[in-house]
Amino acid sequence: MNMPSLQVHQISAQLGINIYQPTMKMQQPQADMRIEQPAATLEINYKKSKLNIDQTEAFADIDQKSAARRTREWAEQGKQMLAQGVARRAREGDQMMMIENGSDAIARISKQNTSPPLKEIGLGFLPKTPFRVKIDYDPGNVDVNFTSSKPRIDVTANKPIMQHENWKADPYLRQKDSFEIEVVNFRMDQYV
């Protein structure tokens, strides 16, 4: 005999989710930067150099003299010639005083005065020495002062710009649940 039985059929509910996942946009603007470089300060002070060349003595060696120098030399030469003339006259006077001693002083004096000494001829260089030209040199000087200036840098950072939307999740019922009970092997005539 077949016994009646119950069969239970159950179907679980199923949920579904639709997810909206948007992209995020991000921008990073460059920083604002300003750089300023002040000019450096350069200061130059200098004293001019001087070169003095004195060729007076070299020109004097070739008899190119100034009028003032020539006048001084002639005055000095005149004094010397005067002193020599006075000395010669005194010498000659002394020789004449001794004429009574039998010396031929008059003949000797006239011979000295009539035959001048011979001049020597020679080779010479002008100027006589290279040291006759006097050179005086003052190099001067140069003072250089340099002052550098530091650059001025101003930087302003910009915040990033972000654009985003919220994520969305939409749940929905994909399948409803169901529950069925079925009696199997049940006949009514058996129990009546």
C-alpha atoms as a PDB file:
ATOM      1  CA  MET A   1       0.000   0.000   0.000  1.00  0.00           C
ATOM      2  CA  ASN A   2       1.247   3.371  -0.915  1.00  0.00           C
ATOM      3  CA  MET A   3       1.208   5.857   1.783  1.00  0.00           C
ATOM      4  CA  PRO A   4       0.410   9.409   0.918  1.00  0.00           C
ATOM      5  CA  SER A   5       3.303  11.792   1.276  1.00  0.00           C
ATOM      6  CA  LEU A   6       3.776  15.477   1.107  1.00  0.00           C
ATOM      7  CA  GLN A   7       6.217  17.015  -1.286  1.00  0.00           C
ATOM      8  CA  VAL A   8       7.326  20.526  -0.587  1.00  0.00           C
ATOM      9  CA  HIS A   9       8.733  22.658  -3.403  1.00  0.00           C
ATOM     10  CA  GLN A  10      10.359  25.874  -2.306  1.00  0.00           C
ATOM     11  CA  ILE A  11      12.026  28.455  -4.625  1.00  0.00           C
ATOM     12  CA  SER A  12      14.090  31.088  -2.897  1.00  0.00           C
ATOM     13  CA  ALA A  13      13.812  34.684  -3.881  1.00  0.00           C
ATOM     14  CA  GLN A  14      16.757  36.151  -5.847  1.00  0.00           C
ATOM     15  CA  LEU A  15      17.826  39.751  -5.643  1.00  0.00           C
ATOM     16  CA  GLY A  16      19.721  41.644  -8.355  1.00  0.00           C
ATOM     17  CA  ILE A  17      21.686  44.875  -8.085  1.00  0.00           C
ATOM     18  CA  ASN A  18      22.421  47.297 -10.892  1.00  0.00           C
ATOM     19  CA  ILE A  19      25.522  49.287  -9.951  1.00  0.00           C
ATOM     20  CA  TYR A  20      26.376  52.602 -11.583  1.00  0.00           C
ATOM     21  CA  GLN A  21      30.059  53.295 -11.101  1.00  0.00           C
ATOM     22  CA  PRO A  22      30.900  56.707 -12.641  1.00  0.00           C
ATOM     23  CA  THR A  23      34.469  57.778 -13.459  1.00  0.00           C
ATOM     24  CA  MET A  24      36.213  60.404 -11.417  1.00  0.00           C
ATOM     25  CA  LYS A  25      37.739  63.370 -13.216  1.00  0.00           C
ATOM     26  CA  MET A  26      40.734  65.052 -11.599  1.00  0.00           C
ATOM     27  CA  GLN A  27      42.738  68.026 -12.827  1.00  0.00           C
ATOM     28  CA  GLN A  28      45.783  69.539 -11.230  1.00  0.00           C
ATOM     29  CA  PRO A  29      46.300  73.129 -12.423  1.00  0.00           C
ATOM     30  CA  GLN A  30      49.917  74.189 -12.544  1.00  0.00           C
ATOM     31  CA  ALA A  31      51.145  76.349  -9.727  1.00  0.00           C
ATOM     32  CA  ASP A  32      51.306  80.079 -10.334  1.00  0.00           C
ATOM     33  CA  MET A  33      54.949  81.036 -10.206  1.00  0.00           C
ATOM     34  CA  ARG A  34      56.523  84.459 -10.564  1.00  0.00           C
ATOM     35  CA  ILE A  35      60.287  84.838 -10.660  1.00  0.00           C
ATOM     36  CA  GLU A  36      61.942  88.230 -10.600  1.00  0.00           C
ATOM     37  CA  GLN A  37      65.695  88.621 -10.844  1.00  0.00           C
ATOM     38  CA  PRO A  38      66.844  92.098  -9.824  1.00  0.00           C
ATOM     39  CA  ALA A  39      69.913  93.247 -11.693  1.00  0.00           C
ATOM     40  CA  ALA A  40      73.241  92.955  -9.950  1.00  0.00           C
ATOM     41  CA  THR A  41      75.124  96.100  -9.010  1.00  0.00           C
ATOM     42  CA  LEU A  42      78.526  96.581 -10.595  1.00  0.00           C
ATOM     43  CA  GLU A  43      80.625  99.545  -9.558  1.00  0.00           C
ATOM     44  CA  ILE A  44      84.010 100.209 -11.103  1.00  0.00           C
ATOM     45  CA  ASN A  45      86.278 102.944  -9.764  1.00  0.00           C
ATOM     46  CA  TYR A  46      89.605 103.511 -11.365  1.00  0.00           C
ATOM     47  CA  LYS A  47      92.554 105.824 -11.222  1.00  0.00           C
ATOM     48  CA  LYS A  48      94.103 106.430 -14.613  1.00  0.00           C
ATOM     49  CA  SER A  49      97.580 105.161 -15.210  1.00  0.00           C
ATOM     50  CA  LYS A  50     100.247 107.752 -15.985  1.00  0.00           C
ATOM     51  CA  LEU A  51     103.348 107.412 -18.105  1.00  0.00           C
ATOM     52  CA  ASN A  52     105.881 110.226 -17.954  1.00  0.00           C
ATOM     53  CA  ILE A  53     108.815 110.180 -20.344  1.00  0.00           C
ATOM     54  CA  ASP A  54     111.474 112.829 -19.753  1.00  0.00           C
ATOM     55  CA  GLN A  55     113.817 113.093 -22.745  1.00  0.00           C
ATOM     56  CA  THR A  56     115.313 116.419 -21.734  1.00  0.00           C
ATOM     57  CA  GLU A  57     118.816 115.000 -21.164  1.00  0.00           C
ATOM     58  CA  ALA A  58     118.709 112.936 -24.371  1.00  0.00           C
ATOM     59  CA  PHE A  59     117.787 116.054 -26.366  1.00  0.00           C
ATOM     60  CA  ALA A  60     120.496 117.999 -24.532  1.00  0.00           C
ATOM     61  CA  ASP A  61     123.045 115.436 -25.801  1.00  0.00           C
ATOM     62  CA  ILE A  62     122.184 116.446 -29.391  1.00  0.00           C
ATOM     63  CA  ASP A  63     122.189 120.117 -28.382  1.00  0.00           C
ATOM     64  CA  GLN A  64     118.440 120.636 -28.487  1.00  0.00           C
ATOM     65  CA  LYS A  65     117.911 122.578 -25.294  1.00  0.00           C
ATOM     66  CA  SER A  66     115.288 124.963 -24.042  1.00  0.00           C
ATOM     67  CA  ALA A  67     116.070 128.685 -24.007  1.00  0.00           C
ATOM     68  CA  ALA A  68     116.011 128.793 -20.199  1.00  0.00           C
ATOM     69  CA  ARG A  69     118.465 125.869 -19.943  1.00  0.00           C
ATOM     70  CA  ARG A  70     120.750 127.337 -22.616  1.00  0.00           C
ATOM     71  CA  THR A  71     120.767 130.702 -20.796  1.00  0.00           C
ATOM     72  CA  ARG A  72     121.644 128.980 -17.498  1.00  0.00           C
ATOM     73  CA  GLU A  73     124.442 127.016 -19.169  1.00  0.00           C
ATOM     74  CA  TRP A  74     125.859 130.142 -20.868  1.00  0.00           C
ATOM     75  CA  ALA A  75     125.743 132.035 -17.563  1.00  0.00           C
ATOM     76  CA  GLU A  76     127.593 129.161 -15.842  1.00  0.00           C
ATOM     77  CA  GLN A  77     130.076 128.937 -18.717  1.00  0.00           C
ATOM     78  CA  GLY A  78     130.633 132.701 -18.522  1.00  0.00           C
ATOM     79  CA  LYS A  79     131.394 132.450 -14.790  1.00  0.00           C
ATOM     80  CA  GLN A  80     133.838 129.597 -15.419  1.00  0.00           C
ATOM     81  CA  MET A  81     135.534 131.459 -18.295  1.00  0.00           C
ATOM     82  CA  LEU A  82     135.804 134.560 -16.117  1.00  0.00           C
ATOM     83  CA  ALA A  83     137.376 132.538 -13.319  1.00  0.00           C
ATOM     84  CA  GLN A  84     139.744 130.855 -15.802  1.00  0.00           C
ATOM     85  CA  GLY A  85     140.664 134.243 -17.351  1.00  0.00           C
ATOM     86  CA  VAL A  86     141.406 135.749 -13.941  1.00  0.00           C
ATOM     87  CA  ALA A  87     143.478 132.683 -13.012  1.00  0.00           C
ATOM     88  CA  ARG A  88     145.376 132.820 -16.345  1.00  0.00           C
ATOM     89  CA  ARG A  89     146.075 136.502 -15.921  1.00  0.00           C
ATOM     90  CA  ALA A  90     147.343 135.883 -12.391  1.00  0.00           C
ATOM     91  CA  ARG A  91     149.573 133.044 -13.632  1.00  0.00           C
ATOM     92  CA  GLU A  92     150.908 135.141 -16.471  1.00  0.00           C
ATOM     93  CA  GLY A  93     151.502 138.011 -14.032  1.00  0.00           C
ATOM     94  CA  ASP A  94     153.432 135.668 -11.769  1.00  0.00           C
ATOM     95  CA  GLN A  95     155.530 134.528 -14.760  1.00  0.00           C
ATOM     96  CA  MET A  96     156.189 138.145 -15.761  1.00  0.00           C
ATOM     97  CA  MET A  97     157.279 138.955 -12.235  1.00  0.00           C
ATOM     98  CA  MET A  98     160.023 136.409 -12.561  1.00  0.00           C
ATOM     99  CA  ILE A  99     161.349 137.827 -15.826  1.00  0.00           C
ATOM    100  CA  GLU A 100     164.343 139.218 -14.002  1.00  0.00           C
ATOM    101  CA  ASN A 101     165.520 135.683 -13.273  1.00  0.00           C
ATOM    102  CA  GLY A 102     166.260 135.223 -16.930  1.00  0.00           C
ATOM    103  CA  SER A 103     163.222 133.272 -17.959  1.00  0.00           C
ATOM    104  CA  ASP A 104     161.721 133.856 -21.358  1.00  0.00           C
ATOM    105  CA  ALA A 105     158.257 134.323 -19.935  1.00  0.00           C
ATOM    106  CA  ILE A 106     157.005 136.587 -22.734  1.00  0.00           C
ATOM    107  CA  ALA A 107     157.768 133.995 -25.448  1.00  0.00           C
ATOM    108  CA  ARG A 108     156.133 131.183 -23.456  1.00  0.00           C
ATOM    109  CA  ILE A 109     152.990 133.226 -22.731  1.00  0.00           C
ATOM    110  CA  SER A 110     152.603 134.265 -26.366  1.00  0.00           C
ATOM    111  CA  LYS A 111     153.049 130.642 -27.517  1.00  0.00           C
ATOM    112  CA  GLN A 112     150.352 129.450 -25.103  1.00  0.00           C
ATOM    113  CA  ASN A 113     147.915 132.107 -26.286  1.00  0.00           C
ATOM    114  CA  THR A 114     148.515 131.665 -30.028  1.00  0.00           C
ATOM    115  CA  SER A 115     148.371 127.834 -30.359  1.00  0.00           C
ATOM    116  CA  PRO A 116     145.178 126.479 -28.836  1.00  0.00           C
ATOM    117  CA  PRO A 117     145.143 122.793 -27.850  1.00  0.00           C
ATOM    118  CA  LEU A 118     144.143 120.330 -30.568  1.00  0.00           C
ATOM    119  CA  LYS A 119     140.704 118.853 -30.349  1.00  0.00           C
ATOM    120  CA  GLU A 120     140.354 115.103 -30.420  1.00  0.00           C
ATOM    121  CA  ILE A 121     138.123 113.484 -32.984  1.00  0.00           C
ATOM    122  CA  GLY A 122     136.172 110.455 -31.802  1.00  0.00           C
ATOM    123  CA  LEU A 123     133.084 108.410 -32.403  1.00  0.00           C
ATOM    124  CA  GLY A 124     130.182 108.840 -29.996  1.00  0.00           C
ATOM    125  CA  PHE A 125     126.589 107.752 -29.573  1.00  0.00           C
ATOM    126  CA  LEU A 126     123.638 109.947 -28.847  1.00  0.00           C
ATOM    127  CA  PRO A 127     122.135 109.814 -26.346  1.00  0.00           C
ATOM    128  CA  LYS A 128     125.273 108.939 -24.456  1.00  0.00           C
ATOM    129  CA  THR A 129     123.509 106.277 -22.359  1.00  0.00           C
ATOM    130  CA  PRO A 130     120.035 104.790 -22.480  1.00  0.00           C
ATOM    131  CA  PHE A 131     119.537 106.081 -18.941  1.00  0.00           C
ATOM    132  CA  ARG A 132     119.363 109.651 -20.254  1.00  0.00           C
ATOM    133  CA  VAL A 133     115.681 109.014 -20.986  1.00  0.00           C
ATOM    134  CA  LYS A 134     113.782 108.938 -17.694  1.00  0.00           C
ATOM    135  CA  ILE A 135     110.591 106.895 -17.595  1.00  0.00           C
ATOM    136  CA  ASP A 136     108.170 107.150 -14.709  1.00  0.00           C
ATOM    137  CA  TYR A 137     105.104 104.912 -14.781  1.00  0.00           C
ATOM    138  CA  ASP A 138     102.213 104.913 -12.315  1.00  0.00           C
ATOM    139  CA  PRO A 139      99.943 101.944 -13.140  1.00  0.00           C
ATOM    140  CA  GLY A 140      96.912 103.412 -11.364  1.00  0.00           C
ATOM    141  CA  ASN A 141      94.394 100.994  -9.915  1.00  0.00           C
ATOM    142  CA  VAL A 142      90.967  99.556 -10.574  1.00  0.00           C
ATOM    143  CA  ASP A 143      88.455  98.781  -7.815  1.00  0.00           C
ATOM    144  CA  VAL A 144      85.586  96.525  -8.853  1.00  0.00           C
ATOM    145  CA  ASN A 145      82.653  96.088  -6.462  1.00  0.00           C
ATOM    146  CA  PHE A 146      80.044  93.521  -7.465  1.00  0.00           C
ATOM    147  CA  THR A 147      76.871  92.977  -5.462  1.00  0.00           C
ATOM    148  CA  SER A 148      74.536  90.228  -6.610  1.00  0.00           C
ATOM    149  CA  SER A 149      70.819  90.304  -5.852  1.00  0.00           C
ATOM    150  CA  LYS A 150      68.911  87.199  -4.864  1.00  0.00           C
ATOM    151  CA  PRO A 151      65.986  86.233  -7.089  1.00  0.00           C
ATOM    152  CA  ARG A 152      62.484  86.801  -5.752  1.00  0.00           C
ATOM    153  CA  ILE A 153      60.338  83.708  -6.275  1.00  0.00           C
ATOM    154  CA  ASP A 154      56.610  83.721  -5.468  1.00  0.00           C
ATOM    155  CA  VAL A 155      54.838  80.366  -5.809  1.00  0.00           C
ATOM    156  CA  THR A 156      51.097  79.865  -5.294  1.00  0.00           C
ATOM    157  CA  ALA A 157      49.987  76.239  -5.353  1.00  0.00           C
ATOM    158  CA  ASN A 158      46.557  75.552  -6.880  1.00  0.00           C
ATOM    159  CA  LYS A 159      44.308  72.915  -5.345  1.00  0.00           C
ATOM    160  CA  PRO A 160      43.336  69.969  -7.521  1.00  0.00           C
ATOM    161  CA  ILE A 161      39.921  70.117  -9.200  1.00  0.00           C
ATOM    162  CA  MET A 162      37.960  66.892  -8.723  1.00  0.00           C
ATOM    163  CA  GLN A 163      34.651  66.098 -10.385  1.00  0.00           C
ATOM    164  CA  HIS A 164      32.848  62.966  -9.338  1.00  0.00           C
ATOM    165  CA  GLU A 165      29.301  61.642  -9.033  1.00  0.00           C
ATOM    166  CA  ASN A 166      28.015  59.364  -6.334  1.00  0.00           C
ATOM    167  CA  TRP A 167      27.906  55.694  -7.024  1.00  0.00           C
ATOM    168  CA  LYS A 168      24.432  54.284  -7.393  1.00  0.00           C
ATOM    169  CA  ALA A 169      23.143  50.839  -6.591  1.00  0.00           C
ATOM    170  CA  ASP A 170      19.603  49.902  -7.659  1.00  0.00           C
ATOM    171  CA  PRO A 171      18.483  46.624  -6.096  1.00  0.00           C
ATOM    172  CA  TYR A 172      15.644  44.732  -7.735  1.00  0.00           C
ATOM    173  CA  LEU A 173      13.871  41.414  -7.293  1.00  0.00           C
ATOM    174  CA  ARG A 174      15.078  39.041  -9.932  1.00  0.00           C
ATOM    175  CA  GLN A 175      12.891  36.097  -8.878  1.00  0.00           C
ATOM    176  CA  LYS A 176      10.058  35.902  -6.391  1.00  0.00           C
ATOM    177  CA  ASP A 177      10.053  33.217  -3.775  1.00  0.00           C
ATOM    178  CA  SER A 178       7.477  30.465  -3.993  1.00  0.00           C
ATOM    179  CA  PHE A 179       6.379  27.671  -1.739  1.00  0.00           C
ATOM    180  CA  GLU A 180       4.297  24.685  -2.952  1.00  0.00           C
ATOM    181  CA  ILE A 181       3.046  21.698  -1.033  1.00  0.00           C
ATOM    182  CA  GLU A 182       1.799  18.692  -2.995  1.00  0.00           C
ATOM    183  CA  VAL A 183       0.214  15.524  -1.630  1.00  0.00           C
ATOM    184  CA  VAL A 184       1.463  12.467  -3.489  1.00  0.00           C
ATOM    185  CA  ASN A 185      -0.208   9.044  -3.574  1.00  0.00           C
ATOM    186  CA  PHE A 186      -3.393  10.169  -2.001  1.00  0.00           C
ATOM    187  CA  ARG A 187      -6.607   8.753  -3.133  1.00  0.00           C
ATOM    188  CA  MET A 188      -9.804   9.590  -1.547  1.00  0.00           C
ATOM    189  CA  ASP A 189     -11.449   6.286  -2.166  1.00  0.00           C
ATOM    190  CA  GLN A 190      -9.035   4.564   0.119  1.00  0.00           C
ATOM    191  CA  TYR A 191     -10.212   6.412   3.096  1.00  0.00           C
ATOM    192  CA  VAL A 192     -13.864   6.375   2.494  1.00  0.00           C
END
